[in-house]
């Protein structure tokens, strides 16, 4: 994904997501809930080359060790997949939030 936001803009978004977080677990949850609250679901992505529909962020399956887990649907069946494992060509309303997510993965 080609970046549109500056480092400063992305860091500001991450700072807002992590406001009042006291440890790494709370910071992780801040990012998770920011994505869950701001991404517009459902949206299309690819998992292992197959088109899937991303339904939501699964806060119960997600953890610092596993990463942010998304619930996806393929041919009527639902699966849990790491958000970072999906190939996403974002719609405009999701672009900045996914850009923040990938920046956070790379830098934090």
C-alpha atoms as a PDB file:
ATOM      1  CA  UNK A   1       0.000   0.000   0.000  1.00  0.00           C
ATOM      2  CA  UNK A   2       1.386   3.380  -1.006  1.00  0.00           C
ATOM      3  CA  UNK A   3       1.505   5.738   1.946  1.00  0.00           C
ATOM      4  CA  UNK A   4      -0.509   8.935   1.837  1.00  0.00           C
ATOM      5  CA  UNK A   5      -0.026  10.126   5.419  1.00  0.00           C
ATOM      6  CA  UNK A   6       3.195  11.513   6.846  1.00  0.00           C
ATOM      7  CA  UNK A   7       5.113   9.912   9.708  1.00  0.00           C
ATOM      8  CA  UNK A   8       3.913  12.750  11.959  1.00  0.00           C
ATOM      9  CA  UNK A   9       0.252  12.148  11.045  1.00  0.00           C
ATOM     10  CA  UNK A  10       0.581   8.410  11.610  1.00  0.00           C
ATOM     11  CA  UNK A  11       2.364   8.878  14.926  1.00  0.00           C
ATOM     12  CA  UNK A  12      -0.391  11.269  16.038  1.00  0.00           C
ATOM     13  CA  UNK A  13      -3.065   8.683  15.195  1.00  0.00           C
ATOM     14  CA  UNK A  14      -1.139   6.031  17.128  1.00  0.00           C
ATOM     15  CA  UNK A  15      -0.670   8.393  20.074  1.00  0.00           C
ATOM     16  CA  UNK A  16      -4.410   9.055  20.161  1.00  0.00           C
ATOM     17  CA  UNK A  17      -5.113   5.305  20.069  1.00  0.00           C
ATOM     18  CA  UNK A  18      -2.731   4.741  22.979  1.00  0.00           C
ATOM     19  CA  UNK A  19      -3.760   7.704  25.131  1.00  0.00           C
ATOM     20  CA  UNK A  20      -3.861   6.805  28.829  1.00  0.00           C
ATOM     21  CA  UNK A  21      -2.231   3.397  28.205  1.00  0.00           C
ATOM     22  CA  UNK A  22       0.155   2.358  30.950  1.00  0.00           C
ATOM     23  CA  UNK A  23       1.755  -0.765  29.510  1.00  0.00           C
ATOM     24  CA  UNK A  24       2.258  -2.659  26.254  1.00  0.00           C
ATOM     25  CA  UNK A  25      -0.914  -4.722  26.681  1.00  0.00           C
ATOM     26  CA  UNK A  26      -3.060  -1.592  27.068  1.00  0.00           C
ATOM     27  CA  UNK A  27      -1.291   0.011  24.092  1.00  0.00           C
ATOM     28  CA  UNK A  28      -2.038  -3.071  21.968  1.00  0.00           C
ATOM     29  CA  UNK A  29      -5.686  -2.956  23.008  1.00  0.00           C
ATOM     30  CA  UNK A  30      -5.811   0.765  22.182  1.00  0.00           C
ATOM     31  CA  UNK A  31      -4.746   0.023  18.605  1.00  0.00           C
ATOM     32  CA  UNK A  32      -7.138  -2.930  18.378  1.00  0.00           C
ATOM     33  CA  UNK A  33     -10.164  -0.915  19.537  1.00  0.00           C
ATOM     34  CA  UNK A  34      -9.234   2.050  17.357  1.00  0.00           C
ATOM     35  CA  UNK A  35      -9.276  -0.249  14.325  1.00  0.00           C
ATOM     36  CA  UNK A  36     -12.465  -2.005  15.430  1.00  0.00           C
ATOM     37  CA  UNK A  37     -14.225   1.338  15.957  1.00  0.00           C
ATOM     38  CA  UNK A  38     -13.037   3.055  12.772  1.00  0.00           C
ATOM     39  CA  UNK A  39     -12.768   0.433  10.030  1.00  0.00           C
ATOM     40  CA  UNK A  40     -15.925   0.107   7.952  1.00  0.00           C
ATOM     41  CA  UNK A  41     -16.943  -3.560   7.864  1.00  0.00           C
ATOM     42  CA  UNK A  42     -17.444  -5.676   5.888  1.00  0.00           C
ATOM     43  CA  UNK A  43     -14.734  -5.235   3.287  1.00  0.00           C
ATOM     44  CA  UNK A  44     -12.996  -7.491   0.784  1.00  0.00           C
ATOM     45  CA  UNK A  45      -9.482  -8.889   1.136  1.00  0.00           C
ATOM     46  CA  UNK A  46      -7.461 -11.885   0.045  1.00  0.00           C
ATOM     47  CA  UNK A  47      -6.268 -14.706   2.260  1.00  0.00           C
ATOM     48  CA  UNK A  48      -3.941 -17.252   0.655  1.00  0.00           C
ATOM     49  CA  UNK A  49      -4.966 -15.891  -2.746  1.00  0.00           C
ATOM     50  CA  UNK A  50      -8.687 -16.395  -2.115  1.00  0.00           C
ATOM     51  CA  UNK A  51     -11.167 -13.528  -1.810  1.00  0.00           C
ATOM     52  CA  UNK A  52     -12.734 -13.229   1.633  1.00  0.00           C
ATOM     53  CA  UNK A  53     -15.055 -10.787   3.340  1.00  0.00           C
ATOM     54  CA  UNK A  54     -13.602  -9.226   6.501  1.00  0.00           C
ATOM     55  CA  UNK A  55     -16.434  -9.056   9.011  1.00  0.00           C
ATOM     56  CA  UNK A  56     -14.821  -7.577  12.130  1.00  0.00           C
ATOM     57  CA  UNK A  57     -11.901  -7.480  14.522  1.00  0.00           C
ATOM     58  CA  UNK A  58     -12.089 -10.286  17.081  1.00  0.00           C
ATOM     59  CA  UNK A  59     -10.985  -8.802  20.402  1.00  0.00           C
ATOM     60  CA  UNK A  60     -11.324 -12.142  22.191  1.00  0.00           C
ATOM     61  CA  UNK A  61      -8.955 -13.978  19.810  1.00  0.00           C
ATOM     62  CA  UNK A  62      -6.514 -11.067  19.475  1.00  0.00           C
ATOM     63  CA  UNK A  63      -3.506 -10.755  21.763  1.00  0.00           C
ATOM     64  CA  UNK A  64      -0.011  -9.306  21.736  1.00  0.00           C
ATOM     65  CA  UNK A  65       1.301 -12.783  20.967  1.00  0.00           C
ATOM     66  CA  UNK A  66      -1.176 -13.628  18.201  1.00  0.00           C
ATOM     67  CA  UNK A  67      -1.659 -10.138  16.824  1.00  0.00           C
ATOM     68  CA  UNK A  68      -4.873  -8.494  15.740  1.00  0.00           C
ATOM     69  CA  UNK A  69      -7.255 -11.190  14.544  1.00  0.00           C
ATOM     70  CA  UNK A  70     -10.024 -10.587  12.024  1.00  0.00           C
ATOM     71  CA  UNK A  71     -13.085 -12.713  11.428  1.00  0.00           C
ATOM     72  CA  UNK A  72     -13.449 -13.429   7.717  1.00  0.00           C
ATOM     73  CA  UNK A  73     -16.090 -15.228   5.709  1.00  0.00           C
ATOM     74  CA  UNK A  74     -15.466 -17.376   2.667  1.00  0.00           C
ATOM     75  CA  UNK A  75     -18.278 -19.294   0.975  1.00  0.00           C
ATOM     76  CA  UNK A  76     -20.509 -19.012   4.036  1.00  0.00           C
ATOM     77  CA  UNK A  77     -17.893 -20.259   6.511  1.00  0.00           C
ATOM     78  CA  UNK A  78     -16.200 -17.991   9.067  1.00  0.00           C
ATOM     79  CA  UNK A  79     -12.508 -18.150   9.967  1.00  0.00           C
ATOM     80  CA  UNK A  80     -10.054 -16.275  12.189  1.00  0.00           C
ATOM     81  CA  UNK A  81      -7.100 -14.731  10.348  1.00  0.00           C
ATOM     82  CA  UNK A  82      -4.388 -12.314  11.410  1.00  0.00           C
ATOM     83  CA  UNK A  83      -5.191  -8.886  10.019  1.00  0.00           C
ATOM     84  CA  UNK A  84      -1.544  -8.573   8.961  1.00  0.00           C
ATOM     85  CA  UNK A  85      -1.869 -11.800   6.921  1.00  0.00           C
ATOM     86  CA  UNK A  86      -4.595 -10.385   4.685  1.00  0.00           C
ATOM     87  CA  UNK A  87      -3.953  -8.694   1.354  1.00  0.00           C
ATOM     88  CA  UNK A  88      -6.136  -5.619   1.558  1.00  0.00           C
ATOM     89  CA  UNK A  89      -6.742  -3.076  -1.162  1.00  0.00           C
ATOM     90  CA  UNK A  90      -8.572  -0.624   1.067  1.00  0.00           C
ATOM     91  CA  UNK A  91     -11.629   1.376   0.234  1.00  0.00           C
ATOM     92  CA  UNK A  92     -11.102   5.127   0.798  1.00  0.00           C
ATOM     93  CA  UNK A  93     -12.918   5.102   4.166  1.00  0.00           C
ATOM     94  CA  UNK A  94     -10.521   2.451   5.516  1.00  0.00           C
ATOM     95  CA  UNK A  95      -7.308   3.660   3.950  1.00  0.00           C
ATOM     96  CA  UNK A  96      -5.945   5.862   6.742  1.00  0.00           C
ATOM     97  CA  UNK A  97      -6.778   3.324   9.458  1.00  0.00           C
ATOM     98  CA  UNK A  98      -5.043   0.486   7.626  1.00  0.00           C
ATOM     99  CA  UNK A  99      -2.104   2.765   6.899  1.00  0.00           C
ATOM    100  CA  UNK A 100      -1.880   3.474  10.638  1.00  0.00           C
ATOM    101  CA  UNK A 101      -2.052  -0.281  11.372  1.00  0.00           C
ATOM    102  CA  UNK A 102       0.791  -1.172   8.985  1.00  0.00           C
ATOM    103  CA  UNK A 103       2.904   1.728  10.257  1.00  0.00           C
ATOM    104  CA  UNK A 104       2.314   0.574  13.855  1.00  0.00           C
ATOM    105  CA  UNK A 105       3.308  -2.991  12.913  1.00  0.00           C
ATOM    106  CA  UNK A 106       6.515  -1.764  11.339  1.00  0.00           C
ATOM    107  CA  UNK A 107       7.555   0.816  13.939  1.00  0.00           C
ATOM    108  CA  UNK A 108       6.250  -0.371  17.320  1.00  0.00           C
END
